[in-house]
Protein backbone atom coordinates (compact mmCIF):
# COMPACT_ATOMS: atom_id res chain seq x y z
CA MET A 1 -263.97 29.04 106.84
CA LYS A 2 -266.70 26.40 107.02
CA LYS A 3 -269.39 29.08 107.40
CA LYS A 4 -268.16 30.91 104.28
CA VAL A 5 -268.15 27.72 102.21
CA ARG A 6 -271.67 26.88 103.40
CA LYS A 7 -272.86 30.40 102.59
CA ARG A 8 -271.43 30.16 99.06
CA LYS A 9 -273.23 26.86 98.52
CA VAL A 10 -276.50 28.39 99.71
CA ASN A 11 -276.07 31.37 97.36
CA ARG A 12 -275.35 29.08 94.40
CA LEU A 13 -278.44 27.02 95.21
CA LYS A 14 -280.56 30.18 95.34
CA LEU A 15 -279.11 31.29 91.99
CA ILE A 16 -279.91 27.92 90.40
CA ILE A 17 -283.44 27.98 91.81
CA PHE A 18 -283.86 31.50 90.39
CA ILE A 19 -282.43 30.65 86.92
CA ILE A 20 -284.34 27.39 86.28
CA PRO A 21 -287.83 28.98 86.04
CA ILE A 22 -286.43 31.63 83.71
CA LEU A 23 -284.93 28.96 81.44
CA ILE A 24 -288.23 27.07 81.43
CA VAL A 25 -290.11 30.22 80.43
CA ILE A 26 -287.59 30.89 77.63
CA ILE A 27 -287.89 27.32 76.29
CA ILE A 28 -291.71 27.48 76.36
CA PHE A 29 -291.65 30.85 74.58
CA MET A 30 -289.28 29.54 71.90
CA GLN A 31 -291.49 26.51 71.27
CA ALA A 32 -294.62 28.67 71.09
CA THR A 33 -293.07 31.11 68.63
CA LYS A 34 -291.44 28.41 66.50
CA VAL A 35 -292.78 28.55 62.94
CA LYS A 36 -294.89 25.52 62.18
CA LYS A 37 -294.22 24.36 58.64
CA ILE A 38 -297.09 23.62 56.28
CA ASP A 39 -297.61 19.90 55.77
CA LYS A 40 -297.09 19.75 52.00
CA CYS A 41 -294.65 17.85 49.80
CA ILE A 42 -293.32 19.78 46.80
CA VAL A 43 -291.03 18.33 44.14
CA ILE A 44 -288.88 20.80 42.22
CA ASP A 45 -287.47 19.48 38.96
CA ALA A 46 -284.39 21.26 37.63
CA GLY A 47 -284.59 20.49 33.92
CA HIS A 48 -281.81 18.75 31.96
CA GLY A 49 -278.40 18.17 33.57
CA GLY A 50 -275.01 16.61 32.94
CA VAL A 51 -273.13 16.17 29.67
CA GLU A 52 -275.92 14.05 28.19
CA GLU A 53 -278.69 16.61 28.67
CA PRO A 54 -277.35 20.18 28.63
CA GLY A 55 -280.54 21.65 27.19
CA CYS A 56 -280.26 24.66 24.91
CA ILE A 57 -276.93 26.51 24.69
CA PHE A 58 -276.38 30.12 23.63
CA ASN A 59 -273.18 32.13 24.05
CA SER A 60 -271.77 29.39 26.30
CA ILE A 61 -274.77 29.70 28.61
CA TYR A 62 -276.26 26.28 29.37
CA GLU A 63 -279.93 25.74 30.15
CA ARG A 64 -279.02 23.01 32.66
CA ASP A 65 -277.08 25.53 34.78
CA ILE A 66 -279.81 28.17 34.82
CA CYS A 67 -282.42 25.52 35.69
CA LEU A 68 -280.37 24.32 38.65
CA ALA A 69 -279.61 27.83 39.93
CA ILE A 70 -283.29 28.84 39.91
CA SER A 71 -284.40 25.50 41.39
CA LYS A 72 -281.94 25.71 44.28
CA LYS A 73 -283.07 29.22 45.13
CA LEU A 74 -286.68 28.07 45.01
CA GLN A 75 -285.87 25.08 47.23
CA THR A 76 -284.29 27.35 49.85
CA LYS A 77 -287.29 29.67 49.89
CA LEU A 78 -289.89 26.90 50.03
CA GLU A 79 -288.10 24.98 52.79
CA LYS A 80 -288.68 27.89 55.18
CA GLU A 81 -292.45 27.35 54.97
CA TYR A 82 -293.18 23.83 53.75
CA LYS A 83 -292.42 20.56 55.50
CA LYS A 84 -291.01 18.61 52.56
CA VAL A 85 -289.27 20.03 49.47
CA ILE A 86 -287.55 17.53 47.19
CA MET A 87 -285.23 18.18 44.26
CA THR A 88 -285.01 15.69 41.39
CA ARG A 89 -281.38 16.74 41.07
CA GLU A 90 -279.14 18.95 43.20
CA SER A 91 -276.01 18.93 41.05
CA ASP A 92 -275.02 18.87 37.38
CA ILE A 93 -276.01 15.29 36.68
CA ASN A 94 -278.38 13.69 34.21
CA VAL A 95 -281.57 12.28 35.69
CA TYR A 96 -283.77 10.39 33.25
CA LEU A 97 -287.29 11.71 32.78
CA SER A 98 -288.83 8.49 34.04
CA GLU A 99 -286.74 8.76 37.22
CA ARG A 100 -287.92 12.33 37.83
CA CYS A 101 -291.50 11.09 37.65
CA ARG A 102 -290.71 8.09 39.86
CA ILE A 103 -289.26 10.33 42.57
CA ALA A 104 -292.38 12.51 42.68
CA ASN A 105 -294.78 9.56 42.59
CA LYS A 106 -292.88 7.63 45.26
CA GLU A 107 -292.96 10.63 47.59
CA LYS A 108 -296.67 11.15 46.86
CA ALA A 109 -295.94 14.81 46.29
CA ASP A 110 -298.74 17.37 46.46
CA ILE A 111 -297.37 19.21 43.41
CA PHE A 112 -294.55 18.90 40.87
CA VAL A 113 -292.93 21.96 39.25
CA SER A 114 -290.36 21.61 36.48
CA ILE A 115 -288.00 24.50 35.63
CA HIS A 116 -286.76 25.10 32.06
CA GLN A 117 -285.78 27.79 29.54
CA ASN A 118 -286.96 28.28 26.00
CA ALA A 119 -285.08 28.90 22.73
CA LEU A 120 -285.68 29.63 19.05
CA ASP A 121 -283.24 29.17 16.19
CA ASN A 122 -282.26 32.32 14.27
CA ASP A 123 -284.32 34.53 16.58
CA ASN A 124 -282.64 36.67 19.23
CA ILE A 125 -285.66 38.89 19.90
CA THR A 126 -288.59 36.70 20.97
CA SER A 127 -288.87 36.61 24.75
CA GLY A 128 -291.33 35.80 27.50
CA ILE A 129 -292.48 33.26 30.05
CA GLU A 130 -294.95 30.41 29.54
CA THR A 131 -296.15 27.55 31.71
CA TRP A 132 -297.22 24.13 30.44
CA TYR A 133 -299.70 21.60 31.82
CA ASN A 134 -301.22 18.31 30.69
CA PRO A 135 -304.90 18.75 29.72
CA GLU A 136 -305.72 15.06 30.04
CA LYS A 137 -304.47 14.44 33.56
CA ASP A 138 -306.50 16.67 35.90
CA THR A 139 -308.02 20.14 36.18
CA GLU A 140 -305.71 21.04 39.07
CA SER A 141 -302.64 21.05 36.82
CA LYS A 142 -304.16 23.82 34.74
CA ILE A 143 -305.00 25.81 37.86
CA LEU A 144 -301.44 25.34 39.18
CA ALA A 145 -299.97 26.44 35.85
CA GLN A 146 -302.23 29.48 35.63
CA THR A 147 -301.54 30.57 39.21
CA ILE A 148 -297.77 30.27 38.83
CA GLN A 149 -297.83 31.99 35.42
CA GLU A 150 -299.78 34.98 36.72
CA ASN A 151 -297.51 35.44 39.73
CA ILE A 152 -294.24 35.06 37.85
CA ILE A 153 -295.33 37.74 35.37
CA LYS A 154 -296.11 40.08 38.27
CA THR A 155 -292.64 39.75 39.76
CA THR A 156 -290.62 39.80 36.52
CA ASN A 157 -292.71 42.03 34.21
CA ALA A 158 -291.67 39.66 31.41
CA ASN A 159 -293.75 39.13 28.29
CA ASN A 160 -296.74 36.99 29.21
CA LEU A 161 -296.95 34.08 26.79
CA GLY A 162 -299.66 32.47 28.91
CA ILE A 163 -300.28 28.84 29.78
CA LYS A 164 -300.07 26.09 27.18
CA ASP A 165 -301.07 22.45 27.13
CA SER A 166 -299.23 19.35 25.97
CA LYS A 167 -300.04 15.65 26.15
CA LYS A 168 -296.46 14.66 25.31
CA LEU A 169 -294.22 16.28 27.94
CA ILE A 170 -293.26 13.28 30.06
CA VAL A 171 -292.65 14.95 33.42
CA ILE A 172 -296.09 16.55 33.50
CA ARG A 173 -297.77 13.53 31.91
CA ASP A 174 -296.45 10.66 34.03
CA THR A 175 -296.45 12.37 37.42
CA LYS A 176 -299.60 11.50 39.37
CA MET A 177 -300.04 14.84 41.14
CA PRO A 178 -300.88 18.33 39.78
CA SER A 179 -297.85 19.27 37.68
CA CYS A 180 -296.57 22.07 35.49
CA LEU A 181 -293.46 23.01 33.53
CA VAL A 182 -292.29 26.63 33.62
CA GLU A 183 -290.30 28.02 30.68
CA THR A 184 -288.70 30.91 32.56
CA GLY A 185 -287.44 32.75 29.46
CA PHE A 186 -285.67 32.47 26.11
CA LEU A 187 -281.93 31.84 26.18
CA SER A 188 -281.96 32.66 22.46
CA SER A 189 -283.04 36.23 23.31
CA ASP A 190 -280.06 38.53 23.91
CA LEU A 191 -281.96 40.58 26.48
CA GLU A 192 -283.62 37.71 28.27
CA ARG A 193 -280.43 35.65 28.36
CA SER A 194 -278.66 38.48 30.18
CA ASN A 195 -281.57 38.57 32.66
CA LEU A 196 -281.61 34.81 33.22
CA ILE A 197 -277.95 34.68 34.27
CA ASN A 198 -278.50 37.61 36.65
CA SER A 199 -278.98 36.50 40.26
CA SER A 200 -281.37 39.36 41.08
CA TYR A 201 -283.61 38.47 38.14
CA GLN A 202 -283.51 34.81 39.14
CA ASP A 203 -284.76 35.93 42.56
CA LYS A 204 -287.75 37.59 40.87
CA ILE A 205 -288.54 34.35 39.03
CA VAL A 206 -288.27 32.40 42.28
CA GLU A 207 -290.50 34.89 44.09
CA GLY A 208 -293.14 34.54 41.39
CA ILE A 209 -293.12 30.73 41.43
CA TYR A 210 -293.15 30.72 45.23
CA ASN A 211 -296.11 33.13 45.35
CA GLY A 212 -297.92 31.00 42.79
CA ILE A 213 -297.40 27.82 44.79
CA LYS A 214 -298.53 29.54 47.99
CA GLU A 215 -301.65 30.94 46.33
CA TYR A 216 -302.46 27.56 44.79
CA PHE A 217 -302.32 25.77 48.15
CA GLU A 218 -304.33 28.49 49.89
CA ASN A 219 -307.05 28.25 47.24
CA GLU A 220 -307.08 24.45 47.52
CA ASP A 221 -307.39 24.59 51.30
CA ASN A 222 -310.28 27.07 51.03
CA LYS A 223 -312.18 24.57 48.86
CA LYS A 224 -312.13 21.94 51.62
């Protein structure tokens, strides 16, 4: 009986000695193939929020809800590739404009992207996407806006209303980094409203913004 017990112990020891190198190789392989995230900080600003700031409302569709849905999808996609992705709000609450700017400035974000929808009174036909930037702040904001605008049009095939400038929009004026505000469509448009509440169409918007951000950073890195 003693010989059998000793033999079992020897066999177990051999098995352990055999398994350990294999486990080490597996761990090293997993570390080597682990995706290294890009060292950038991106702030995504879901426009409006809460009872105080619902944004535009058409057919019981609230801008605040569409903004949050698109922003969350964008956050999920960006987090797979970039080290730090921050939302100014992650639920249906009101966040003051000054606080949105403070969050981005405190985090020293590389870029700030605000998500909104457009609307026109007594007009259910006008549609399209436009992206705003502040012309007084820096040249990079215009480049960011242009790059995102071009890519979002590619993925959605929406009407291209181009990039536009404003010195008054607080979130792209008081943030210290390159910033833009994307009007992802018109809730006042019957056709575009039906698109904006559609998850698949939201995915196209997100893909366009994501591609724009990626292209912007790649171009910036190539300049260095």
